Amino acid sequence: MLLNGHDAQALQQAAQALAQGELVAMPTETVYGLAARADDDAAVAKIFAAKGRPADHPLIVHVLDAADAACFAAELPQTARALMQAFWPGPLTVIVPRAPGVAEAAAGGQATVGLRSPAHPVARQLLAAAHALGVRGVAAPSANRFGRVSPTQARHVQDEFGDALRVLDGGDCHVGIESAIVDCSREFPVLLRPGVLTAAQLEAVLGQPLRERDAAAPKASGTLEAHYAPTATVRLKSAEQIFAALASFTGGWPAGLAVYSRSVPAQQTAPTAFWRAMPTDALAAAQELFTVLRELDAAGVREIWVETPPPDSAWAGVLDRLSRAAAAFEP
């Protein structure tokens, strides 16, 4: 059921559904989320069932503000508070020690919990309306089947789950990839998942370098090696590799091949060939990435060659999503 996210009655209806333990898909600035009240383990179990997601793979709890975040945290370390003050509401998740007996299912049974305050106005209005009904936060992973391409439009969610699910339509997500995740539960901060916020931006607030993910890091959403995958096979290649491979096709591009690159390939010679221009700006590329993968899937392509993003930190989030999408097809 598609609901107008800017309609007060629709927002209230969605908030009441959350308060009653039902699922609602909501827009955020990153991607659309499949939400359930985080303090109700039975409601959260519906998320895992709908997505086909392992119950030990934790979800991010979305809250209106730091006060609601404190309801789920045993403590908010200084690193987390500094990042929250600088980047909330926004595309940043902090991992903190979880309050005992709270959001155990959402946390995948871990002693830590991921918290985020979304910036999207519809998400914030929904959280405020739900708060008034006693809901202090919602668990909300991306509103898609587990491991598949995240949705950035309301119709993407409908394509995944059909008309039975309430979907608040808040328009296209303007960030387009999931939040950066920083583990603040230990004595040093660790970047578990990159996003559009760069390491340099995060470190400037923290006043110390971010460490890389290690074996002791808690599980976090979207950090499996293979993730974000379309039905078509994704291959990451340099521009040189793409052009050399295309040149070897003497009869033109093979049917079912798509190329998504910043560099412009030679003229396409087959009507079944697809080329999409990747933006040269990292933020623009992030915003459209999942939409492009979904559109190419819908066009019926069988293989997508993607030009590897530049190595600078602004592209880290896009590279992370593409690397995980490609890993799903590696032998």
Foldseek 3Di string as FASTA:
>chain_A
DEDALVDPVLLLVQLVCQLVLAWAWEAFLAFIWTKHQLQDLVSVVVVCVLQVHDQQQAFAKEFAAVVLVVVFAPDQDPLNVLCRVVAPQHQEKEKAQTDPSGSCSNNSNDRIHIYHYTDQPSVNSSNVSNVVVVRGIIGIDFLAHWQAAGHQFQVVNCVHRNDPHHYHGPDGNQQQHHGWYWYPHDPAIATQAHGQQFQVNSCVSSVDHHHYDDPPDRRHPPRDLAGHAHQAAEAEDAPVVVQVVQVVPPQFDDAQEEEEECDDHPDGDDPRYYYHYQDLQQSSNSRCVSVVSVVSVVSPRRYYYYYQHDPDRSNRNVNSSSSNNNVVPDD
